[in-house]
Amino acid sequence: MASLRHERRIAADADIVWEVIRRPESIPTWFPGIASCTVEGAKRVITTAAGIEMPEEILTIDPLIHRFAYRITSPLYRFHLGVIDVIALGPSDSLCVYSTTAEPDPLALLIAGGTVGALDEIQKIAEATAKG
């Protein structure tokens, strides 16, 4: 089982960064390669730009600690856990941490590569919002 973590320091309040990621249906706006998604309760199905549907289960949306956790339930994965944490460092200063654990290992690498692009987009959106 492979685990990878990427992080990004963002010049925006943690609440602003959290607002970017907290809604499960918002993922196509900030995760590269995701064209659309549907959400019903704790179930989310993302559709990639290549047209592949990936079912997911939303595990946690915690506004108090700014944590969003989910798992991909597609049979391609024996196990998957994705966690996004937003940590307040100070006024207009946050750390966004995106962790991925998956089996088989190559699929963890695939998703973790996407998380770098996701952090880029989260940063762009949050900092633009913070600037007004």
N, C-alpha and C. Protein backbone atom coordinates (compact mmCIF):
# COMPACT_ATOMS: atom_id res chain seq x y z
N MET A 1 0.85 -1.16 0.00
CA MET A 1 0.00 0.00 0.00
C MET A 1 0.90 1.23 0.00
N ALA A 2 0.60 2.15 -0.88
CA ALA A 2 1.41 3.37 -1.01
C ALA A 2 0.67 4.56 -0.44
N SER A 3 1.40 5.42 0.25
CA SER A 3 0.86 6.67 0.78
C SER A 3 1.73 7.82 0.29
N LEU A 4 1.07 8.87 -0.18
CA LEU A 4 1.77 10.06 -0.63
C LEU A 4 1.06 11.27 -0.07
N ARG A 5 1.81 12.34 0.16
CA ARG A 5 1.23 13.56 0.68
C ARG A 5 1.88 14.74 -0.02
N HIS A 6 1.04 15.67 -0.42
CA HIS A 6 1.52 16.93 -0.99
C HIS A 6 0.88 18.06 -0.20
N GLU A 7 1.59 19.15 -0.10
CA GLU A 7 1.06 20.28 0.65
C GLU A 7 1.37 21.58 -0.07
N ARG A 8 0.57 22.59 0.24
CA ARG A 8 0.74 23.89 -0.39
C ARG A 8 0.41 24.97 0.62
N ARG A 9 1.30 25.92 0.77
CA ARG A 9 1.03 27.09 1.60
C ARG A 9 0.26 28.09 0.74
N ILE A 10 -0.83 28.60 1.28
CA ILE A 10 -1.74 29.44 0.51
C ILE A 10 -1.95 30.76 1.25
N ALA A 11 -1.84 31.86 0.51
CA ALA A 11 -2.01 33.20 1.07
C ALA A 11 -3.49 33.56 1.14
N ALA A 12 -4.20 32.85 2.01
CA ALA A 12 -5.64 33.08 2.23
C ALA A 12 -6.01 32.48 3.57
N ASP A 13 -7.05 33.04 4.19
CA ASP A 13 -7.55 32.47 5.43
C ASP A 13 -8.00 31.03 5.21
N ALA A 14 -7.89 30.22 6.24
CA ALA A 14 -8.28 28.81 6.16
C ALA A 14 -9.75 28.68 5.76
N ASP A 15 -10.61 29.58 6.23
CA ASP A 15 -12.03 29.51 5.87
C ASP A 15 -12.24 29.70 4.37
N ILE A 16 -11.44 30.54 3.76
CA ILE A 16 -11.54 30.76 2.30
C ILE A 16 -11.08 29.51 1.55
N VAL A 17 -9.99 28.92 1.98
CA VAL A 17 -9.49 27.69 1.34
C VAL A 17 -10.51 26.58 1.53
N TRP A 18 -11.05 26.45 2.72
CA TRP A 18 -12.05 25.42 3.02
C TRP A 18 -13.27 25.58 2.11
N GLU A 19 -13.67 26.81 1.88
CA GLU A 19 -14.83 27.06 1.02
C GLU A 19 -14.63 26.50 -0.39
N VAL A 20 -13.40 26.48 -0.87
CA VAL A 20 -13.11 25.95 -2.21
C VAL A 20 -13.39 24.44 -2.28
N ILE A 21 -13.06 23.71 -1.23
CA ILE A 21 -13.10 22.24 -1.30
C ILE A 21 -14.24 21.57 -0.55
N ARG A 22 -14.95 22.27 0.30
CA ARG A 22 -15.89 21.64 1.22
C ARG A 22 -17.10 21.00 0.55
N ARG A 23 -17.50 21.47 -0.59
CA ARG A 23 -18.68 20.92 -1.28
C ARG A 23 -18.24 19.79 -2.21
N PRO A 24 -18.75 18.58 -2.00
CA PRO A 24 -18.32 17.43 -2.83
C PRO A 24 -18.51 17.67 -4.33
N GLU A 25 -19.53 18.43 -4.70
CA GLU A 25 -19.80 18.66 -6.12
C GLU A 25 -18.84 19.66 -6.76
N SER A 26 -17.99 20.30 -5.96
CA SER A 26 -17.08 21.32 -6.51
C SER A 26 -15.81 20.73 -7.14
N ILE A 27 -15.57 19.45 -6.99
CA ILE A 27 -14.29 18.85 -7.42
C ILE A 27 -13.95 19.12 -8.90
N PRO A 28 -14.89 19.17 -9.83
CA PRO A 28 -14.48 19.45 -11.22
C PRO A 28 -13.85 20.83 -11.40
N THR A 29 -14.10 21.75 -10.47
CA THR A 29 -13.52 23.09 -10.62
C THR A 29 -12.07 23.16 -10.18
N TRP A 30 -11.61 22.18 -9.38
CA TRP A 30 -10.25 22.29 -8.86
C TRP A 30 -9.40 21.03 -9.02
N PHE A 31 -9.93 19.93 -9.45
CA PHE A 31 -9.11 18.73 -9.66
C PHE A 31 -8.96 18.48 -11.16
N PRO A 32 -7.75 18.61 -11.70
CA PRO A 32 -7.54 18.45 -13.13
C PRO A 32 -7.96 17.07 -13.62
N GLY A 33 -8.58 17.04 -14.78
CA GLY A 33 -8.96 15.77 -15.39
C GLY A 33 -10.31 15.25 -14.97
N ILE A 34 -10.99 15.94 -14.06
CA ILE A 34 -12.35 15.55 -13.68
C ILE A 34 -13.30 16.48 -14.41
N ALA A 35 -14.11 15.88 -15.27
CA ALA A 35 -15.01 16.67 -16.11
C ALA A 35 -16.31 17.01 -15.41
N SER A 36 -16.81 16.08 -14.59
CA SER A 36 -18.08 16.30 -13.91
C SER A 36 -18.22 15.33 -12.75
N CYS A 37 -19.26 15.53 -11.97
CA CYS A 37 -19.56 14.59 -10.89
C CYS A 37 -21.02 14.70 -10.51
N THR A 38 -21.52 13.64 -9.90
CA THR A 38 -22.85 13.65 -9.31
C THR A 38 -22.69 13.25 -7.85
N VAL A 39 -23.55 13.82 -7.01
CA VAL A 39 -23.50 13.54 -5.59
C VAL A 39 -24.90 13.21 -5.12
N GLU A 40 -25.01 12.08 -4.42
CA GLU A 40 -26.27 11.69 -3.78
C GLU A 40 -25.93 11.22 -2.38
N GLY A 41 -26.24 12.04 -1.38
CA GLY A 41 -25.90 11.69 -0.01
C GLY A 41 -24.40 11.59 0.15
N ALA A 42 -23.93 10.43 0.64
CA ALA A 42 -22.50 10.22 0.84
C ALA A 42 -21.83 9.57 -0.36
N LYS A 43 -22.55 9.45 -1.45
CA LYS A 43 -21.99 8.84 -2.67
C LYS A 43 -21.71 9.92 -3.70
N ARG A 44 -20.52 9.85 -4.27
CA ARG A 44 -20.14 10.76 -5.35
C ARG A 44 -19.59 9.91 -6.48
N VAL A 45 -19.97 10.24 -7.69
CA VAL A 45 -19.41 9.58 -8.87
C VAL A 45 -18.75 10.67 -9.70
N ILE A 46 -17.43 10.54 -9.86
CA ILE A 46 -16.72 11.50 -10.71
C ILE A 46 -16.60 10.90 -12.10
N THR A 47 -16.59 11.75 -13.09
CA THR A 47 -16.37 11.33 -14.47
C THR A 47 -15.13 12.06 -14.96
N THR A 48 -14.16 11.28 -15.40
CA THR A 48 -12.90 11.86 -15.86
C THR A 48 -13.08 12.44 -17.26
N ALA A 49 -12.11 13.23 -17.68
CA ALA A 49 -12.14 13.82 -19.03
C ALA A 49 -12.15 12.72 -20.09
N ALA A 50 -11.62 11.53 -19.76
CA ALA A 50 -11.63 10.40 -20.69
C ALA A 50 -12.95 9.63 -20.67
N GLY A 51 -13.90 10.08 -19.82
CA GLY A 51 -15.21 9.44 -19.76
C GLY A 51 -15.31 8.27 -18.78
N ILE A 52 -14.30 8.06 -17.96
CA ILE A 52 -14.32 6.96 -16.99
C ILE A 52 -15.06 7.43 -15.73
N GLU A 53 -16.02 6.63 -15.29
CA GLU A 53 -16.75 6.93 -14.05
C GLU A 53 -16.09 6.22 -12.87
N MET A 54 -15.88 6.98 -11.80
CA MET A 54 -15.26 6.43 -10.59
C MET A 54 -16.18 6.71 -9.41
N PRO A 55 -16.76 5.66 -8.83
CA PRO A 55 -17.60 5.87 -7.65
C PRO A 55 -16.75 6.11 -6.40
N GLU A 56 -17.27 6.98 -5.53
CA GLU A 56 -16.57 7.32 -4.30
C GLU A 56 -17.56 7.36 -3.14
N GLU A 57 -17.04 7.19 -1.96
CA GLU A 57 -17.82 7.36 -0.74
C GLU A 57 -17.22 8.52 0.05
N ILE A 58 -18.04 9.49 0.39
CA ILE A 58 -17.59 10.62 1.19
C ILE A 58 -17.62 10.18 2.65
N LEU A 59 -16.48 10.26 3.30
CA LEU A 59 -16.35 9.79 4.68
C LEU A 59 -16.51 10.90 5.70
N THR A 60 -15.94 12.06 5.41
CA THR A 60 -15.94 13.17 6.36
C THR A 60 -15.97 14.50 5.63
N ILE A 61 -16.84 15.36 6.08
CA ILE A 61 -16.79 16.78 5.72
C ILE A 61 -16.90 17.51 7.06
N ASP A 62 -15.76 17.88 7.63
CA ASP A 62 -15.72 18.43 8.97
C ASP A 62 -15.32 19.90 8.93
N PRO A 63 -16.30 20.80 9.10
CA PRO A 63 -15.99 22.22 9.03
C PRO A 63 -15.21 22.74 10.24
N LEU A 64 -15.23 22.02 11.36
CA LEU A 64 -14.50 22.47 12.54
C LEU A 64 -12.99 22.31 12.38
N ILE A 65 -12.58 21.18 11.81
CA ILE A 65 -11.13 20.98 11.61
C ILE A 65 -10.73 21.11 10.15
N HIS A 66 -11.69 21.51 9.30
CA HIS A 66 -11.43 21.72 7.87
C HIS A 66 -10.84 20.45 7.24
N ARG A 67 -11.57 19.35 7.35
CA ARG A 67 -11.12 18.08 6.77
C ARG A 67 -12.21 17.51 5.86
N PHE A 68 -11.76 17.10 4.66
CA PHE A 68 -12.62 16.40 3.71
C PHE A 68 -11.94 15.06 3.42
N ALA A 69 -12.65 13.96 3.67
CA ALA A 69 -12.07 12.63 3.43
C ALA A 69 -13.05 11.81 2.60
N TYR A 70 -12.48 11.02 1.70
CA TYR A 70 -13.30 10.18 0.81
C TYR A 70 -12.50 8.94 0.43
N ARG A 71 -13.22 7.98 -0.10
CA ARG A 71 -12.54 6.80 -0.63
C ARG A 71 -13.14 6.45 -1.98
N ILE A 72 -12.28 6.05 -2.89
CA ILE A 72 -12.72 5.56 -4.18
C ILE A 72 -13.17 4.12 -3.98
N THR A 73 -14.38 3.81 -4.44
CA THR A 73 -14.93 2.46 -4.25
C THR A 73 -14.91 1.63 -5.52
N SER A 74 -14.30 2.14 -6.56
CA SER A 74 -14.18 1.41 -7.82
C SER A 74 -13.43 0.10 -7.60
N PRO A 75 -13.81 -0.98 -8.30
CA PRO A 75 -13.09 -2.24 -8.16
C PRO A 75 -11.64 -2.19 -8.63
N LEU A 76 -11.24 -1.11 -9.29
CA LEU A 76 -9.83 -0.95 -9.66
C LEU A 76 -8.94 -0.88 -8.42
N TYR A 77 -9.52 -0.42 -7.32
CA TYR A 77 -8.78 -0.22 -6.08
C TYR A 77 -9.12 -1.31 -5.07
N ARG A 78 -8.10 -1.88 -4.45
CA ARG A 78 -8.33 -2.74 -3.29
C ARG A 78 -8.57 -1.88 -2.07
N PHE A 79 -7.94 -0.71 -2.05
CA PHE A 79 -8.11 0.24 -0.95
C PHE A 79 -7.79 1.63 -1.46
N HIS A 80 -8.52 2.63 -0.98
CA HIS A 80 -8.20 4.02 -1.27
C HIS A 80 -8.70 4.90 -0.14
N LEU A 81 -7.90 5.88 0.23
CA LEU A 81 -8.32 6.92 1.16
C LEU A 81 -7.68 8.22 0.71
N GLY A 82 -8.50 9.23 0.50
CA GLY A 82 -8.02 10.57 0.18
C GLY A 82 -8.46 11.52 1.28
N VAL A 83 -7.53 12.35 1.76
CA VAL A 83 -7.84 13.30 2.83
C VAL A 83 -7.26 14.66 2.45
N ILE A 84 -8.10 15.69 2.58
CA ILE A 84 -7.65 17.05 2.38
C ILE A 84 -7.85 17.79 3.70
N ASP A 85 -6.76 18.35 4.22
CA ASP A 85 -6.81 19.14 5.45
C ASP A 85 -6.41 20.57 5.14
N VAL A 86 -7.13 21.50 5.73
CA VAL A 86 -6.78 22.92 5.62
C VAL A 86 -6.44 23.39 7.03
N ILE A 87 -5.23 23.87 7.20
CA ILE A 87 -4.72 24.25 8.51
C ILE A 87 -4.43 25.75 8.52
N ALA A 88 -5.02 26.44 9.48
CA ALA A 88 -4.77 27.88 9.62
C ALA A 88 -3.39 28.09 10.24
N LEU A 89 -2.57 28.86 9.56
CA LEU A 89 -1.24 29.20 10.09
C LEU A 89 -1.23 30.61 10.68
N GLY A 90 -2.13 31.45 10.20
CA GLY A 90 -2.23 32.83 10.66
C GLY A 90 -3.20 33.57 9.77
N PRO A 91 -3.37 34.87 9.99
CA PRO A 91 -4.25 35.64 9.10
C PRO A 91 -3.74 35.57 7.66
N SER A 92 -4.62 35.23 6.76
CA SER A 92 -4.27 35.13 5.33
C SER A 92 -3.11 34.19 5.08
N ASP A 93 -3.03 33.11 5.86
CA ASP A 93 -1.93 32.15 5.73
C ASP A 93 -2.44 30.76 6.14
N SER A 94 -2.46 29.85 5.17
CA SER A 94 -2.98 28.51 5.41
C SER A 94 -2.07 27.47 4.77
N LEU A 95 -2.22 26.25 5.27
CA LEU A 95 -1.54 25.10 4.68
C LEU A 95 -2.62 24.13 4.25
N CYS A 96 -2.59 23.73 2.99
CA CYS A 96 -3.53 22.74 2.46
C CYS A 96 -2.72 21.47 2.21
N VAL A 97 -3.15 20.38 2.84
CA VAL A 97 -2.45 19.10 2.76
C VAL A 97 -3.38 18.07 2.11
N TYR A 98 -2.91 17.43 1.05
CA TYR A 98 -3.71 16.43 0.33
C TYR A 98 -2.96 15.11 0.41
N SER A 99 -3.54 14.15 1.12
CA SER A 99 -2.92 12.83 1.32
C SER A 99 -3.69 11.77 0.57
N THR A 100 -2.96 10.83 0.01
CA THR A 100 -3.56 9.70 -0.71
C THR A 100 -2.89 8.42 -0.26
N THR A 101 -3.71 7.43 0.08
CA THR A 101 -3.23 6.09 0.38
C THR A 101 -4.04 5.14 -0.50
N ALA A 102 -3.37 4.26 -1.21
CA ALA A 102 -4.09 3.38 -2.12
C ALA A 102 -3.33 2.08 -2.37
N GLU A 103 -4.11 1.11 -2.77
CA GLU A 103 -3.57 -0.17 -3.23
C GLU A 103 -4.42 -0.60 -4.41
N PRO A 104 -3.85 -0.95 -5.52
CA PRO A 104 -2.43 -1.15 -5.79
C PRO A 104 -1.64 0.16 -5.85
N ASP A 105 -0.36 0.02 -5.57
CA ASP A 105 0.53 1.17 -5.46
C ASP A 105 0.53 2.09 -6.68
N PRO A 106 0.56 1.56 -7.91
CA PRO A 106 0.60 2.48 -9.07
C PRO A 106 -0.59 3.43 -9.13
N LEU A 107 -1.74 3.00 -8.63
CA LEU A 107 -2.90 3.88 -8.64
C LEU A 107 -2.75 5.00 -7.62
N ALA A 108 -2.03 4.76 -6.54
CA ALA A 108 -1.74 5.83 -5.59
C ALA A 108 -0.88 6.90 -6.26
N LEU A 109 0.10 6.46 -7.03
CA LEU A 109 0.97 7.40 -7.74
C LEU A 109 0.18 8.22 -8.75
N LEU A 110 -0.74 7.57 -9.44
CA LEU A 110 -1.57 8.25 -10.43
C LEU A 110 -2.40 9.36 -9.78
N ILE A 111 -3.08 9.03 -8.71
CA ILE A 111 -3.91 10.03 -8.04
C ILE A 111 -3.06 11.10 -7.38
N ALA A 112 -1.98 10.70 -6.74
CA ALA A 112 -1.12 11.68 -6.06
C ALA A 112 -0.57 12.69 -7.05
N GLY A 113 -0.31 12.26 -8.28
CA GLY A 113 0.13 13.20 -9.31
C GLY A 113 -0.95 14.24 -9.59
N GLY A 114 -2.20 13.80 -9.61
CA GLY A 114 -3.31 14.72 -9.81
C GLY A 114 -3.50 15.69 -8.66
N THR A 115 -3.13 15.24 -7.45
CA THR A 115 -3.32 16.12 -6.30
C THR A 115 -2.41 17.35 -6.35
N VAL A 116 -1.28 17.23 -7.01
CA VAL A 116 -0.40 18.40 -7.17
C VAL A 116 -1.13 19.46 -8.00
N GLY A 117 -1.73 19.04 -9.10
CA GLY A 117 -2.51 19.96 -9.91
C GLY A 117 -3.71 20.51 -9.17
N ALA A 118 -4.33 19.66 -8.34
CA ALA A 118 -5.47 20.10 -7.54
C ALA A 118 -5.05 21.19 -6.56
N LEU A 119 -3.91 21.00 -5.91
CA LEU A 119 -3.42 22.03 -4.98
C LEU A 119 -3.12 23.34 -5.71
N ASP A 120 -2.60 23.24 -6.94
CA ASP A 120 -2.38 24.46 -7.74
C ASP A 120 -3.68 25.22 -7.93
N GLU A 121 -4.74 24.49 -8.30
CA GLU A 121 -6.04 25.13 -8.57
C GLU A 121 -6.67 25.67 -7.29
N ILE A 122 -6.61 24.89 -6.21
CA ILE A 122 -7.15 25.35 -4.93
C ILE A 122 -6.46 26.64 -4.54
N GLN A 123 -5.14 26.69 -4.69
CA GLN A 123 -4.40 27.90 -4.36
C GLN A 123 -4.83 29.08 -5.22
N LYS A 124 -4.94 28.88 -6.52
CA LYS A 124 -5.36 29.98 -7.42
C LYS A 124 -6.73 30.53 -7.03
N ILE A 125 -7.67 29.62 -6.81
CA ILE A 125 -9.05 30.04 -6.50
C ILE A 125 -9.08 30.76 -5.15
N ALA A 126 -8.45 30.18 -4.13
CA ALA A 126 -8.49 30.77 -2.79
C ALA A 126 -7.79 32.13 -2.76
N GLU A 127 -6.64 32.23 -3.38
CA GLU A 127 -5.91 33.51 -3.34
C GLU A 127 -6.62 34.58 -4.15
N ALA A 128 -7.28 34.20 -5.25
CA ALA A 128 -8.05 35.18 -6.00
C ALA A 128 -9.26 35.65 -5.19
N THR A 129 -9.89 34.75 -4.47
CA THR A 129 -11.01 35.11 -3.62
C THR A 129 -10.55 36.02 -2.48
N ALA A 130 -9.41 35.71 -1.90
CA ALA A 130 -8.88 36.50 -0.79
C ALA A 130 -8.56 37.94 -1.23
N LYS A 131 -8.10 38.08 -2.46
CA LYS A 131 -7.76 39.42 -2.98
C LYS A 131 -9.00 40.22 -3.35
N GLY A 132 -10.12 39.49 -3.52
CA GLY A 132 -11.39 40.17 -3.83
C GLY A 132 -11.49 40.45 -5.26
